[in-house]
Amino acid sequence: MTDCRKEFPASWFKKAKLCHEFHDPKLNFFGVNASKPLSYWKKKGWIYFEDPRGWFQWYCRYYMGRRCDDDERQIKRWKAMNRHIAQIRKNCGKKELTCRPRQRQALLHWAYDSRKI
C-alpha cells in the first residue's frame, strides 16, 4: 500500500510502520507474518480489478464512502474472520497477547483489534 497512500488521509499513516522495499513481518504489531503474498492472491483470482492491492485497499476506500460491485463479497469475507475471534476466545486468556499471534495479526489485517479480546 505504500504506492497508493496519497489517496488516503495523511493522518492514517502518522504511526504506520511501512517498508517500501518488501514485506517485513517485524513491523507488524505481533512481529509475525500472517498473510500470503499479493502474487498468491492474484494467482487465485481473488483480487478485484479496482483494488489491485487487495482487501485492505478495498476496505480503506469503502470506509471513505466508495461503493462498488465487490462490496458484498468483501463484507462476507470480513464477517468470516469471526472464526479467528472464536479461536482466540476459546484458547487464550483475556488479553494474553502471546497466544495465537498469527491469528491475532490476521485479525488486525482485517480491522479487528484482537488486543481487546
PDB file of N, CA and C in Angstrom:
ATOM      1  N   MET A   1       0.813  -1.205   0.000  1.00  0.00           N
ATOM      2  CA  MET A   1       0.000   0.000   0.000  1.00  0.00           C
ATOM      3  C   MET A   1       0.854   1.266   0.000  1.00  0.00           C
ATOM      4  N   THR A   2       2.159   1.140  -0.017  1.00  0.00           N
ATOM      5  CA  THR A   2       2.996   2.331   0.007  1.00  0.00           C
ATOM      6  C   THR A   2       2.901   3.140  -1.280  1.00  0.00           C
ATOM      7  N   ASP A   3       2.463   2.515  -2.360  1.00  0.00           N
ATOM      8  CA  ASP A   3       2.400   3.219  -3.647  1.00  0.00           C
ATOM      9  C   ASP A   3       1.074   3.933  -3.891  1.00  0.00           C
ATOM     10  N   CYS A   4       0.130   3.814  -2.966  1.00  0.00           N
ATOM     11  CA  CYS A   4      -1.160   4.477  -3.178  1.00  0.00           C
ATOM     12  C   CYS A   4      -1.613   5.263  -1.947  1.00  0.00           C
ATOM     13  N   ARG A   5      -0.717   5.537  -1.054  1.00  0.00           N
ATOM     14  CA  ARG A   5      -1.106   6.187   0.197  1.00  0.00           C
ATOM     15  C   ARG A   5      -1.541   7.635   0.020  1.00  0.00           C
ATOM     16  N   LYS A   6      -1.183   8.273  -1.096  1.00  0.00           N
ATOM     17  CA  LYS A   6      -1.569   9.676  -1.313  1.00  0.00           C
ATOM     18  C   LYS A   6      -3.085   9.846  -1.443  1.00  0.00           C
ATOM     19  N   GLU A   7      -3.788   8.778  -1.796  1.00  0.00           N
ATOM     20  CA  GLU A   7      -5.238   8.906  -1.941  1.00  0.00           C
ATOM     21  C   GLU A   7      -5.966   8.848  -0.594  1.00  0.00           C
ATOM     22  N   PHE A   8      -5.238   8.510   0.474  1.00  0.00           N
ATOM     23  CA  PHE A   8      -5.841   8.380   1.801  1.00  0.00           C
ATOM     24  C   PHE A   8      -5.359   9.504   2.710  1.00  0.00           C
ATOM     25  N   PRO A   9      -6.112   9.811   3.764  1.00  0.00           N
ATOM     26  CA  PRO A   9      -5.698  10.892   4.671  1.00  0.00           C
ATOM     27  C   PRO A   9      -4.314  10.626   5.282  1.00  0.00           C
ATOM     28  N   ALA A  10      -3.497  11.652   5.315  1.00  0.00           N
ATOM     29  CA  ALA A  10      -2.145  11.531   5.877  1.00  0.00           C
ATOM     30  C   ALA A  10      -2.189  11.092   7.340  1.00  0.00           C
ATOM     31  N   SER A  11      -3.245  11.471   8.044  1.00  0.00           N
ATOM     32  CA  SER A  11      -3.360  11.101   9.465  1.00  0.00           C
ATOM     33  C   SER A  11      -3.392   9.585   9.665  1.00  0.00           C
ATOM     34  N   TRP A  12      -3.830   8.843   8.654  1.00  0.00           N
ATOM     35  CA  TRP A  12      -3.873   7.386   8.764  1.00  0.00           C
ATOM     36  C   TRP A  12      -2.473   6.787   8.847  1.00  0.00           C
ATOM     37  N   PHE A  13      -1.486   7.525   8.389  1.00  0.00           N
ATOM     38  CA  PHE A  13      -0.126   6.983   8.290  1.00  0.00           C
ATOM     39  C   PHE A  13       0.835   7.553   9.333  1.00  0.00           C
ATOM     40  N   LYS A  14       0.341   8.398  10.236  1.00  0.00           N
ATOM     41  CA  LYS A  14       1.224   9.047  11.211  1.00  0.00           C
ATOM     42  C   LYS A  14       2.028   8.048  12.038  1.00  0.00           C
ATOM     43  N   LYS A  15       1.399   6.982  12.471  1.00  0.00           N
ATOM     44  CA  LYS A  15       2.091   5.982  13.302  1.00  0.00           C
ATOM     45  C   LYS A  15       2.364   4.682  12.537  1.00  0.00           C
ATOM     46  N   ALA A  16       2.118   4.683  11.247  1.00  0.00           N
ATOM     47  CA  ALA A  16       2.300   3.468  10.438  1.00  0.00           C
ATOM     48  C   ALA A  16       3.774   3.125  10.295  1.00  0.00           C
ATOM     49  N   LYS A  17       4.055   1.844  10.335  1.00  0.00           N
ATOM     50  CA  LYS A  17       5.413   1.346  10.104  1.00  0.00           C
ATOM     51  C   LYS A  17       5.391   0.662   8.741  1.00  0.00           C
ATOM     52  N   LEU A  18       5.952   1.325   7.742  1.00  0.00           N
ATOM     53  CA  LEU A  18       5.891   0.818   6.375  1.00  0.00           C
ATOM     54  C   LEU A  18       7.292   0.522   5.858  1.00  0.00           C
ATOM     55  N   CYS A  19       7.380  -0.496   5.042  1.00  0.00           N
ATOM     56  CA  CYS A  19       8.636  -0.831   4.374  1.00  0.00           C
ATOM     57  C   CYS A  19       8.362  -0.786   2.876  1.00  0.00           C
ATOM     58  N   HIS A  20       9.020   0.110   2.165  1.00  0.00           N
ATOM     59  CA  HIS A  20       8.775   0.302   0.740  1.00  0.00           C
ATOM     60  C   HIS A  20       9.384  -0.802  -0.124  1.00  0.00           C
ATOM     61  N   GLU A  21      10.412  -1.472   0.362  1.00  0.00           N
ATOM     62  CA  GLU A  21      11.125  -2.455  -0.458  1.00  0.00           C
ATOM     63  C   GLU A  21      10.486  -3.843  -0.446  1.00  0.00           C
ATOM     64  N   PHE A  22      10.015  -4.297   0.722  1.00  0.00           N
ATOM     65  CA  PHE A  22       9.483  -5.654   0.850  1.00  0.00           C
ATOM     66  C   PHE A  22       8.601  -5.746   2.084  1.00  0.00           C
ATOM     67  N   HIS A  23       7.853  -6.831   2.160  1.00  0.00           N
ATOM     68  CA  HIS A  23       7.013  -7.077   3.337  1.00  0.00           C
ATOM     69  C   HIS A  23       7.917  -7.493   4.494  1.00  0.00           C
ATOM     70  N   ASP A  24       7.879  -6.760   5.583  1.00  0.00           N
ATOM     71  CA  ASP A  24       8.708  -7.048   6.744  1.00  0.00           C
ATOM     72  C   ASP A  24       7.817  -7.372   7.934  1.00  0.00           C
ATOM     73  N   PRO A  25       7.644  -8.667   8.256  1.00  0.00           N
ATOM     74  CA  PRO A  25       6.768  -9.064   9.363  1.00  0.00           C
ATOM     75  C   PRO A  25       7.164  -8.456  10.708  1.00  0.00           C
ATOM     76  N   LYS A  26       8.418  -8.089  10.873  1.00  0.00           N
ATOM     77  CA  LYS A  26       8.853  -7.490  12.144  1.00  0.00           C
ATOM     78  C   LYS A  26       8.156  -6.159  12.408  1.00  0.00           C
ATOM     79  N   LEU A  27       7.638  -5.533  11.362  1.00  0.00           N
ATOM     80  CA  LEU A  27       6.932  -4.268  11.524  1.00  0.00           C
ATOM     81  C   LEU A  27       5.488  -4.466  11.987  1.00  0.00           C
ATOM     82  N   ASN A  28       4.985  -5.685  11.877  1.00  0.00           N
ATOM     83  CA  ASN A  28       3.623  -5.979  12.328  1.00  0.00           C
ATOM     84  C   ASN A  28       3.556  -5.911  13.851  1.00  0.00           C
ATOM     85  N   PHE A  29       2.411  -5.611  14.397  1.00  0.00           N
ATOM     86  CA  PHE A  29       2.256  -5.483  15.846  1.00  0.00           C
ATOM     87  C   PHE A  29       2.736  -6.737  16.566  1.00  0.00           C
ATOM     88  N   PHE A  30       2.384  -7.915  16.050  1.00  0.00           N
ATOM     89  CA  PHE A  30       2.753  -9.172  16.696  1.00  0.00           C
ATOM     90  C   PHE A  30       4.067  -9.747  16.163  1.00  0.00           C
ATOM     91  N   GLY A  31       4.695  -9.063  15.221  1.00  0.00           N
ATOM     92  CA  GLY A  31       6.004  -9.469  14.722  1.00  0.00           C
ATOM     93  C   GLY A  31       6.023 -10.751  13.911  1.00  0.00           C
ATOM     94  N   VAL A  32       4.878 -11.142  13.379  1.00  0.00           N
ATOM     95  CA  VAL A  32       4.786 -12.387  12.613  1.00  0.00           C
ATOM     96  C   VAL A  32       4.160 -12.112  11.250  1.00  0.00           C
ATOM     97  N   ASN A  33       4.387 -13.020  10.317  1.00  0.00           N
ATOM     98  CA  ASN A  33       3.750 -12.943   9.008  1.00  0.00           C
ATOM     99  C   ASN A  33       2.433 -13.695   9.091  1.00  0.00           C
ATOM    100  N   ALA A  34       1.361 -13.003   8.801  1.00  0.00           N
ATOM    101  CA  ALA A  34       0.038 -13.618   8.870  1.00  0.00           C
ATOM    102  C   ALA A  34      -0.699 -13.467   7.550  1.00  0.00           C
ATOM    103  N   SER A  35       0.052 -13.390   6.458  1.00  0.00           N
ATOM    104  CA  SER A  35      -0.603 -13.203   5.165  1.00  0.00           C
ATOM    105  C   SER A  35       0.178 -13.882   4.052  1.00  0.00           C
ATOM    106  N   LYS A  36      -0.508 -14.081   2.971  1.00  0.00           N
ATOM    107  CA  LYS A  36       0.112 -14.603   1.748  1.00  0.00           C
ATOM    108  C   LYS A  36       0.563 -13.416   0.896  1.00  0.00           C
ATOM    109  N   PRO A  37       1.543 -13.603   0.029  1.00  0.00           N
ATOM    110  CA  PRO A  37       1.960 -12.503  -0.840  1.00  0.00           C
ATOM    111  C   PRO A  37       0.862 -12.153  -1.853  1.00  0.00           C
ATOM    112  N   LEU A  38       0.909 -10.929  -2.341  1.00  0.00           N
ATOM    113  CA  LEU A  38      -0.068 -10.456  -3.312  1.00  0.00           C
ATOM    114  C   LEU A  38      -0.098 -11.355  -4.548  1.00  0.00           C
ATOM    115  N   SER A  39       1.052 -11.887  -4.934  1.00  0.00           N
ATOM    116  CA  SER A  39       1.115 -12.777  -6.101  1.00  0.00           C
ATOM    117  C   SER A  39       0.232 -14.012  -5.905  1.00  0.00           C
ATOM    118  N   TYR A  40       0.154 -14.516  -4.688  1.00  0.00           N
ATOM    119  CA  TYR A  40      -0.697 -15.675  -4.376  1.00  0.00           C
ATOM    120  C   TYR A  40      -2.168 -15.320  -4.600  1.00  0.00           C
ATOM    121  N   TRP A  41      -2.574 -14.157  -4.089  1.00  0.00           N
ATOM    122  CA  TRP A  41      -3.961 -13.724  -4.229  1.00  0.00           C
ATOM    123  C   TRP A  41      -4.327 -13.494  -5.688  1.00  0.00           C
ATOM    124  N   LYS A  42      -3.385 -12.947  -6.454  1.00  0.00           N
ATOM    125  CA  LYS A  42      -3.630 -12.724  -7.884  1.00  0.00           C
ATOM    126  C   LYS A  42      -3.788 -14.050  -8.618  1.00  0.00           C
ATOM    127  N   LYS A  43      -2.921 -14.996  -8.300  1.00  0.00           N
ATOM    128  CA  LYS A  43      -2.961 -16.311  -8.945  1.00  0.00           C
ATOM    129  C   LYS A  43      -4.294 -17.017  -8.693  1.00  0.00           C
ATOM    130  N   LYS A  44      -4.861 -16.817  -7.516  1.00  0.00           N
ATOM    131  CA  LYS A  44      -6.141 -17.429  -7.156  1.00  0.00           C
ATOM    132  C   LYS A  44      -7.340 -16.682  -7.760  1.00  0.00           C
ATOM    133  N   GLY A  45      -7.083 -15.509  -8.341  1.00  0.00           N
ATOM    134  CA  GLY A  45      -8.169 -14.725  -8.923  1.00  0.00           C
ATOM    135  C   GLY A  45      -8.997 -13.992  -7.886  1.00  0.00           C
ATOM    136  N   TRP A  46      -8.420 -13.718  -6.734  1.00  0.00           N
ATOM    137  CA  TRP A  46      -9.154 -13.104  -5.630  1.00  0.00           C
ATOM    138  C   TRP A  46      -9.031 -11.589  -5.577  1.00  0.00           C
ATOM    139  N   ILE A  47      -8.297 -10.983  -6.504  1.00  0.00           N
ATOM    140  CA  ILE A  47      -8.094  -9.537  -6.482  1.00  0.00           C
ATOM    141  C   ILE A  47      -9.095  -8.868  -7.416  1.00  0.00           C
ATOM    142  N   TYR A  48      -9.855  -7.956  -6.859  1.00  0.00           N
ATOM    143  CA  TYR A  48     -10.821  -7.176  -7.628  1.00  0.00           C
ATOM    144  C   TYR A  48     -10.060  -6.129  -8.427  1.00  0.00           C
ATOM    145  N   PHE A  49     -10.386  -5.979  -9.686  1.00  0.00           N
ATOM    146  CA  PHE A  49      -9.601  -5.134 -10.597  1.00  0.00           C
ATOM    147  C   PHE A  49      -9.471  -3.690 -10.121  1.00  0.00           C
ATOM    148  N   GLU A  50     -10.459  -3.161  -9.419  1.00  0.00           N
ATOM    149  CA  GLU A  50     -10.387  -1.770  -8.957  1.00  0.00           C
ATOM    150  C   GLU A  50      -9.488  -1.604  -7.726  1.00  0.00           C
ATOM    151  N   ASP A  51      -9.173  -2.714  -7.057  1.00  0.00           N
ATOM    152  CA  ASP A  51      -8.360  -2.661  -5.838  1.00  0.00           C
ATOM    153  C   ASP A  51      -7.165  -3.600  -5.987  1.00  0.00           C
ATOM    154  N   PRO A  52      -6.180  -3.218  -6.786  1.00  0.00           N
ATOM    155  CA  PRO A  52      -5.060  -4.123  -7.071  1.00  0.00           C
ATOM    156  C   PRO A  52      -4.182  -4.443  -5.865  1.00  0.00           C
ATOM    157  N   ARG A  53      -4.345  -3.731  -4.757  1.00  0.00           N
ATOM    158  CA  ARG A  53      -3.583  -4.027  -3.539  1.00  0.00           C
ATOM    159  C   ARG A  53      -4.374  -4.906  -2.580  1.00  0.00           C
ATOM    160  N   GLY A  54      -5.557  -5.324  -2.997  1.00  0.00           N
ATOM    161  CA  GLY A  54      -6.289  -6.299  -2.210  1.00  0.00           C
ATOM    162  C   GLY A  54      -7.306  -5.739  -1.239  1.00  0.00           C
ATOM    163  N   TRP A  55      -7.619  -6.573  -0.244  1.00  0.00           N
ATOM    164  CA  TRP A  55      -8.707  -6.289   0.679  1.00  0.00           C
ATOM    165  C   TRP A  55      -8.517  -4.977   1.421  1.00  0.00           C
ATOM    166  N   PHE A  56      -7.322  -4.719   1.917  1.00  0.00           N
ATOM    167  CA  PHE A  56      -7.126  -3.523   2.720  1.00  0.00           C
ATOM    168  C   PHE A  56      -7.372  -2.259   1.905  1.00  0.00           C
ATOM    169  N   GLN A  57      -6.979  -2.276   0.658  1.00  0.00           N
ATOM    170  CA  GLN A  57      -7.251  -1.138  -0.217  1.00  0.00           C
ATOM    171  C   GLN A  57      -8.762  -0.982  -0.408  1.00  0.00           C
ATOM    172  N   TRP A  58      -9.440  -2.108  -0.629  1.00  0.00           N
ATOM    173  CA  TRP A  58     -10.897  -2.052  -0.744  1.00  0.00           C
ATOM    174  C   TRP A  58     -11.498  -1.472   0.532  1.00  0.00           C
ATOM    175  N   TYR A  59     -11.041  -1.976   1.684  1.00  0.00           N
ATOM    176  CA  TYR A  59     -11.583  -1.535   2.974  1.00  0.00           C
ATOM    177  C   TYR A  59     -11.403  -0.028   3.170  1.00  0.00           C
ATOM    178  N   CYS A  60     -10.222   0.493   2.889  1.00  0.00           N
ATOM    179  CA  CYS A  60      -9.963   1.922   3.044  1.00  0.00           C
ATOM    180  C   CYS A  60     -10.897   2.735   2.157  1.00  0.00           C
ATOM    181  N   ARG A  61     -11.063   2.296   0.936  1.00  0.00           N
ATOM    182  CA  ARG A  61     -11.939   3.017   0.006  1.00  0.00           C
ATOM    183  C   ARG A  61     -13.400   2.908   0.429  1.00  0.00           C
ATOM    184  N   TYR A  62     -13.795   1.744   0.917  1.00  0.00           N
ATOM    185  CA  TYR A  62     -15.163   1.561   1.405  1.00  0.00           C
ATOM    186  C   TYR A  62     -15.411   2.477   2.600  1.00  0.00           C
ATOM    187  N   TYR A  63     -14.464   2.525   3.523  1.00  0.00           N
ATOM    188  CA  TYR A  63     -14.564   3.380   4.701  1.00  0.00           C
ATOM    189  C   TYR A  63     -14.732   4.843   4.305  1.00  0.00           C
ATOM    190  N   MET A  64     -14.062   5.231   3.225  1.00  0.00           N
ATOM    191  CA  MET A  64     -14.131   6.619   2.755  1.00  0.00           C
ATOM    192  C   MET A  64     -15.405   6.899   1.945  1.00  0.00           C
ATOM    193  N   GLY A  65     -16.237   5.901   1.738  1.00  0.00           N
ATOM    194  CA  GLY A  65     -17.531   6.121   1.094  1.00  0.00           C
ATOM    195  C   GLY A  65     -17.715   5.507  -0.272  1.00  0.00           C
ATOM    196  N   ARG A  66     -16.671   4.933  -0.852  1.00  0.00           N
ATOM    197  CA  ARG A  66     -16.841   4.332  -2.170  1.00  0.00           C
ATOM    198  C   ARG A  66     -17.660   3.046  -2.059  1.00  0.00           C
ATOM    199  N   ARG A  67     -18.516   2.815  -3.028  1.00  0.00           N
ATOM    200  CA  ARG A  67     -19.278   1.571  -3.119  1.00  0.00           C
ATOM    201  C   ARG A  67     -19.030   0.991  -4.506  1.00  0.00           C
ATOM    202  N   CYS A  68     -18.924  -0.351  -4.569  1.00  0.00           N
ATOM    203  CA  CYS A  68     -18.633  -0.985  -5.857  1.00  0.00           C
ATOM    204  C   CYS A  68     -19.235  -2.386  -5.903  1.00  0.00           C
ATOM    205  N   ASP A  69     -19.043  -3.057  -7.025  1.00  0.00           N
ATOM    206  CA  ASP A  69     -19.596  -4.393  -7.233  1.00  0.00           C
ATOM    207  C   ASP A  69     -19.000  -5.442  -6.295  1.00  0.00           C
ATOM    208  N   ASP A  70     -17.847  -5.172  -5.710  1.00  0.00           N
ATOM    209  CA  ASP A  70     -17.161  -6.160  -4.878  1.00  0.00           C
ATOM    210  C   ASP A  70     -17.549  -6.075  -3.403  1.00  0.00           C
ATOM    211  N   ASP A  71     -18.378  -5.127  -3.028  1.00  0.00           N
ATOM    212  CA  ASP A  71     -18.689  -4.908  -1.617  1.00  0.00           C
ATOM    213  C   ASP A  71     -19.275  -6.145  -0.931  1.00  0.00           C
ATOM    214  N   GLU A  72     -20.241  -6.756  -1.543  1.00  0.00           N
ATOM    215  CA  GLU A  72     -20.905  -7.907  -0.909  1.00  0.00           C
ATOM    216  C   GLU A  72     -19.908  -9.030  -0.610  1.00  0.00           C
ATOM    217  N   ARG A  73     -19.056  -9.342  -1.573  1.00  0.00           N
ATOM    218  CA  ARG A  73     -18.060 -10.402  -1.376  1.00  0.00           C
ATOM    219  C   ARG A  73     -17.078 -10.040  -0.273  1.00  0.00           C
ATOM    220  N   GLN A  74     -16.607  -8.806  -0.265  1.00  0.00           N
ATOM    221  CA  GLN A  74     -15.619  -8.402   0.734  1.00  0.00           C
ATOM    222  C   GLN A  74     -16.213  -8.356   2.137  1.00  0.00           C
ATOM    223  N   ILE A  75     -17.427  -7.901   2.271  1.00  0.00           N
ATOM    224  CA  ILE A  75     -18.078  -7.869   3.582  1.00  0.00           C
ATOM    225  C   ILE A  75     -18.286  -9.292   4.094  1.00  0.00           C
ATOM    226  N   LYS A  76     -18.638 -10.190   3.213  1.00  0.00           N
ATOM    227  CA  LYS A  76     -18.790 -11.600   3.590  1.00  0.00           C
ATOM    228  C   LYS A  76     -17.453 -12.171   4.094  1.00  0.00           C
ATOM    229  N   ARG A  77     -16.362 -11.845   3.414  1.00  0.00           N
ATOM    230  CA  ARG A  77     -15.033 -12.304   3.837  1.00  0.00           C
ATOM    231  C   ARG A  77     -14.679 -11.728   5.204  1.00  0.00           C
ATOM    232  N   TRP A  78     -14.989 -10.446   5.409  1.00  0.00           N
ATOM    233  CA  TRP A  78     -14.695  -9.798   6.687  1.00  0.00           C
ATOM    234  C   TRP A  78     -15.454 -10.474   7.819  1.00  0.00           C
ATOM    235  N   LYS A  79     -16.723 -10.762   7.600  1.00  0.00           N
ATOM    236  CA  LYS A  79     -17.529 -11.433   8.630  1.00  0.00           C
ATOM    237  C   LYS A  79     -17.001 -12.824   8.948  1.00  0.00           C
ATOM    238  N   ALA A  80     -16.401 -13.483   7.974  1.00  0.00           N
ATOM    239  CA  ALA A  80     -15.860 -14.830   8.180  1.00  0.00           C
ATOM    240  C   ALA A  80     -14.673 -14.837   9.143  1.00  0.00           C
ATOM    241  N   MET A  81     -14.095 -13.684   9.411  1.00  0.00           N
ATOM    242  CA  MET A  81     -12.975 -13.616  10.355  1.00  0.00           C
ATOM    243  C   MET A  81     -13.418 -13.912  11.782  1.00  0.00           C
ATOM    244  N   ASN A  82     -14.710 -13.960  12.021  1.00  0.00           N
ATOM    245  CA  ASN A  82     -15.218 -14.308  13.353  1.00  0.00           C
ATOM    246  C   ASN A  82     -14.679 -15.648  13.836  1.00  0.00           C
ATOM    247  N   ARG A  83     -14.337 -16.540  12.926  1.00  0.00           N
ATOM    248  CA  ARG A  83     -13.802 -17.843  13.330  1.00  0.00           C
ATOM    249  C   ARG A  83     -12.492 -17.685  14.088  1.00  0.00           C
ATOM    250  N   HIS A  84     -11.691 -16.679  13.710  1.00  0.00           N
ATOM    251  CA  HIS A  84     -10.432 -16.431  14.412  1.00  0.00           C
ATOM    252  C   HIS A  84     -10.693 -15.840  15.800  1.00  0.00           C
ATOM    253  N   ILE A  85     -11.670 -14.980  15.898  1.00  0.00           N
ATOM    254  CA  ILE A  85     -12.042 -14.420  17.202  1.00  0.00           C
ATOM    255  C   ILE A  85     -12.487 -15.538  18.130  1.00  0.00           C
ATOM    256  N   ALA A  86     -13.299 -16.451  17.607  1.00  0.00           N
ATOM    257  CA  ALA A  86     -13.776 -17.574  18.410  1.00  0.00           C
ATOM    258  C   ALA A  86     -12.619 -18.443  18.896  1.00  0.00           C
ATOM    259  N   GLN A  87     -11.632 -18.685  18.040  1.00  0.00           N
ATOM    260  CA  GLN A  87     -10.474 -19.496  18.421  1.00  0.00           C
ATOM    261  C   GLN A  87      -9.648 -18.819  19.516  1.00  0.00           C
ATOM    262  N   ILE A  88      -9.484 -17.534  19.422  1.00  0.00           N
ATOM    263  CA  ILE A  88      -8.732 -16.802  20.448  1.00  0.00           C
ATOM    264  C   ILE A  88      -9.485 -16.844  21.771  1.00  0.00           C
ATOM    265  N   ARG A  89     -10.770 -16.605  21.720  1.00  0.00           N
ATOM    266  CA  ARG A  89     -11.572 -16.645  22.963  1.00  0.00           C
ATOM    267  C   ARG A  89     -11.559 -18.029  23.592  1.00  0.00           C
ATOM    268  N   LYS A  90     -11.573 -19.050  22.768  1.00  0.00           N
ATOM    269  CA  LYS A  90     -11.614 -20.429  23.262  1.00  0.00           C
ATOM    270  C   LYS A  90     -10.263 -20.871  23.841  1.00  0.00           C
ATOM    271  N   ASN A  91      -9.179 -20.445  23.230  1.00  0.00           N
ATOM    272  CA  ASN A  91      -7.865 -20.988  23.568  1.00  0.00           C
ATOM    273  C   ASN A  91      -6.929 -20.059  24.335  1.00  0.00           C
ATOM    274  N   CYS A  92      -7.285 -18.804  24.496  1.00  0.00           N
ATOM    275  CA  CYS A  92      -6.368 -17.839  25.120  1.00  0.00           C
ATOM    276  C   CYS A  92      -7.030 -17.147  26.304  1.00  0.00           C
ATOM    277  N   GLY A  93      -6.209 -16.772  27.274  1.00  0.00           N
ATOM    278  CA  GLY A  93      -6.698 -15.970  28.384  1.00  0.00           C
ATOM    279  C   GLY A  93      -6.966 -14.553  27.917  1.00  0.00           C
ATOM    280  N   LYS A  94      -7.755 -13.829  28.683  1.00  0.00           N
ATOM    281  CA  LYS A  94      -8.103 -12.459  28.314  1.00  0.00           C
ATOM    282  C   LYS A  94      -6.839 -11.610  28.173  1.00  0.00           C
ATOM    283  N   LYS A  95      -6.710 -10.949  27.017  1.00  0.00           N
ATOM    284  CA  LYS A  95      -5.582 -10.073  26.675  1.00  0.00           C
ATOM    285  C   LYS A  95      -4.230 -10.774  26.759  1.00  0.00           C
ATOM    286  N   GLU A  96      -4.219 -12.080  26.563  1.00  0.00           N
ATOM    287  CA  GLU A  96      -2.972 -12.854  26.524  1.00  0.00           C
ATOM    288  C   GLU A  96      -2.384 -12.723  25.114  1.00  0.00           C
ATOM    289  N   LEU A  97      -1.651 -11.657  24.878  1.00  0.00           N
ATOM    290  CA  LEU A  97      -1.224 -11.288  23.541  1.00  0.00           C
ATOM    291  C   LEU A  97      -0.214 -12.242  22.914  1.00  0.00           C
ATOM    292  N   THR A  98       0.436 -13.068  23.697  1.00  0.00           N
ATOM    293  CA  THR A  98       1.398 -14.023  23.129  1.00  0.00           C
ATOM    294  C   THR A  98       0.701 -15.293  22.631  1.00  0.00           C
ATOM    295  N   CYS A  99      -0.551 -15.445  22.918  1.00  0.00           N
ATOM    296  CA  CYS A  99      -1.327 -16.615  22.491  1.00  0.00           C
ATOM    297  C   CYS A  99      -1.879 -16.379  21.081  1.00  0.00           C
ATOM    298  N   ARG A 100      -1.567 -17.284  20.170  1.00  0.00           N
ATOM    299  CA  ARG A 100      -2.056 -17.240  18.789  1.00  0.00           C
ATOM    300  C   ARG A 100      -1.714 -15.936  18.067  1.00  0.00           C
ATOM    301  N   PRO A 101      -0.431 -15.593  18.026  1.00  0.00           N
ATOM    302  CA  PRO A 101      -0.050 -14.315  17.413  1.00  0.00           C
ATOM    303  C   PRO A 101      -0.373 -14.215  15.923  1.00  0.00           C
ATOM    304  N   ARG A 102      -0.304 -15.321  15.195  1.00  0.00           N
ATOM    305  CA  ARG A 102      -0.639 -15.241  13.760  1.00  0.00           C
ATOM    306  C   ARG A 102      -2.112 -14.929  13.553  1.00  0.00           C
ATOM    307  N   GLN A 103      -2.975 -15.572  14.347  1.00  0.00           N
ATOM    308  CA  GLN A 103      -4.402 -15.268  14.214  1.00  0.00           C
ATOM    309  C   GLN A 103      -4.682 -13.836  14.652  1.00  0.00           C
ATOM    310  N   ARG A 104      -4.022 -13.388  15.702  1.00  0.00           N
ATOM    311  CA  ARG A 104      -4.223 -12.014  16.165  1.00  0.00           C
ATOM    312  C   ARG A 104      -3.755 -11.009  15.111  1.00  0.00           C
ATOM    313  N   GLN A 105      -2.615 -11.291  14.476  1.00  0.00           N
ATOM    314  CA  GLN A 105      -2.120 -10.395  13.433  1.00  0.00           C
ATOM    315  C   GLN A 105      -3.065 -10.403  12.236  1.00  0.00           C
ATOM    316  N   ALA A 106      -3.556 -11.581  11.870  1.00  0.00           N
ATOM    317  CA  ALA A 106      -4.511 -11.665  10.761  1.00  0.00           C
ATOM    318  C   ALA A 106      -5.755 -10.824  11.061  1.00  0.00           C
ATOM    319  N   LEU A 107      -6.220 -10.870  12.300  1.00  0.00           N
ATOM    320  CA  LEU A 107      -7.376 -10.057  12.667  1.00  0.00           C
ATOM    321  C   LEU A 107      -7.074  -8.567  12.532  1.00  0.00           C
ATOM    322  N   LEU A 108      -5.874  -8.150  12.919  1.00  0.00           N
ATOM    323  CA  LEU A 108      -5.509  -6.747  12.724  1.00  0.00           C
ATOM    324  C   LEU A 108      -5.517  -6.376  11.248  1.00  0.00           C
ATOM    325  N   HIS A 109      -5.060  -7.301  10.400  1.00  0.00           N
ATOM    326  CA  HIS A 109      -5.086  -7.052   8.958  1.00  0.00           C
ATOM    327  C   HIS A 109      -6.511  -6.812   8.472  1.00  0.00           C
ATOM    328  N   TRP A 110      -7.475  -7.410   9.147  1.00  0.00           N
ATOM    329  CA  TRP A 110      -8.874  -7.307   8.742  1.00  0.00           C
ATOM    330  C   TRP A 110      -9.652  -6.305   9.595  1.00  0.00           C
ATOM    331  N   ALA A 111      -8.930  -5.416  10.279  1.00  0.00           N
ATOM    332  CA  ALA A 111      -9.528  -4.317  11.046  1.00  0.00           C
ATOM    333  C   ALA A 111     -10.279  -4.769  12.296  1.00  0.00           C
ATOM    334  N   TYR A 112      -9.881  -5.894  12.870  1.00  0.00           N
ATOM    335  CA  TYR A 112     -10.372  -6.328  14.170  1.00  0.00           C
ATOM    336  C   TYR A 112      -9.211  -6.148  15.154  1.00  0.00           C
ATOM    337  N   ASP A 113      -9.438  -5.498  16.265  1.00  0.00           N
ATOM    338  CA  ASP A 113      -8.377  -5.310  17.251  1.00  0.00           C
ATOM    339  C   ASP A 113      -8.450  -6.419  18.286  1.00  0.00           C
ATOM    340  N   SER A 114      -7.657  -7.468  18.068  1.00  0.00           N
ATOM    341  CA  SER A 114      -7.697  -8.630  18.962  1.00  0.00           C
ATOM    342  C   SER A 114      -6.998  -8.361  20.284  1.00  0.00           C
ATOM    343  N   ARG A 115      -6.343  -7.221  20.426  1.00  0.00           N
ATOM    344  CA  ARG A 115      -5.687  -6.894  21.694  1.00  0.00           C
ATOM    345  C   ARG A 115      -6.718  -6.682  22.796  1.00  0.00           C
ATOM    346  N   LYS A 116      -7.959  -6.492  22.432  1.00  0.00           N
ATOM    347  CA  LYS A 116      -9.019  -6.264  23.415  1.00  0.00           C
ATOM    348  C   LYS A 116      -9.757  -7.549  23.786  1.00  0.00           C
ATOM    349  N   ILE A 117      -9.412  -8.653  23.156  1.00  0.00           N
ATOM    350  CA  ILE A 117     -10.089  -9.929  23.407  1.00  0.00           C
ATOM    351  C   ILE A 117      -9.427 -10.621  24.574  1.00  0.00           C
TER     352      ILE A 117
END
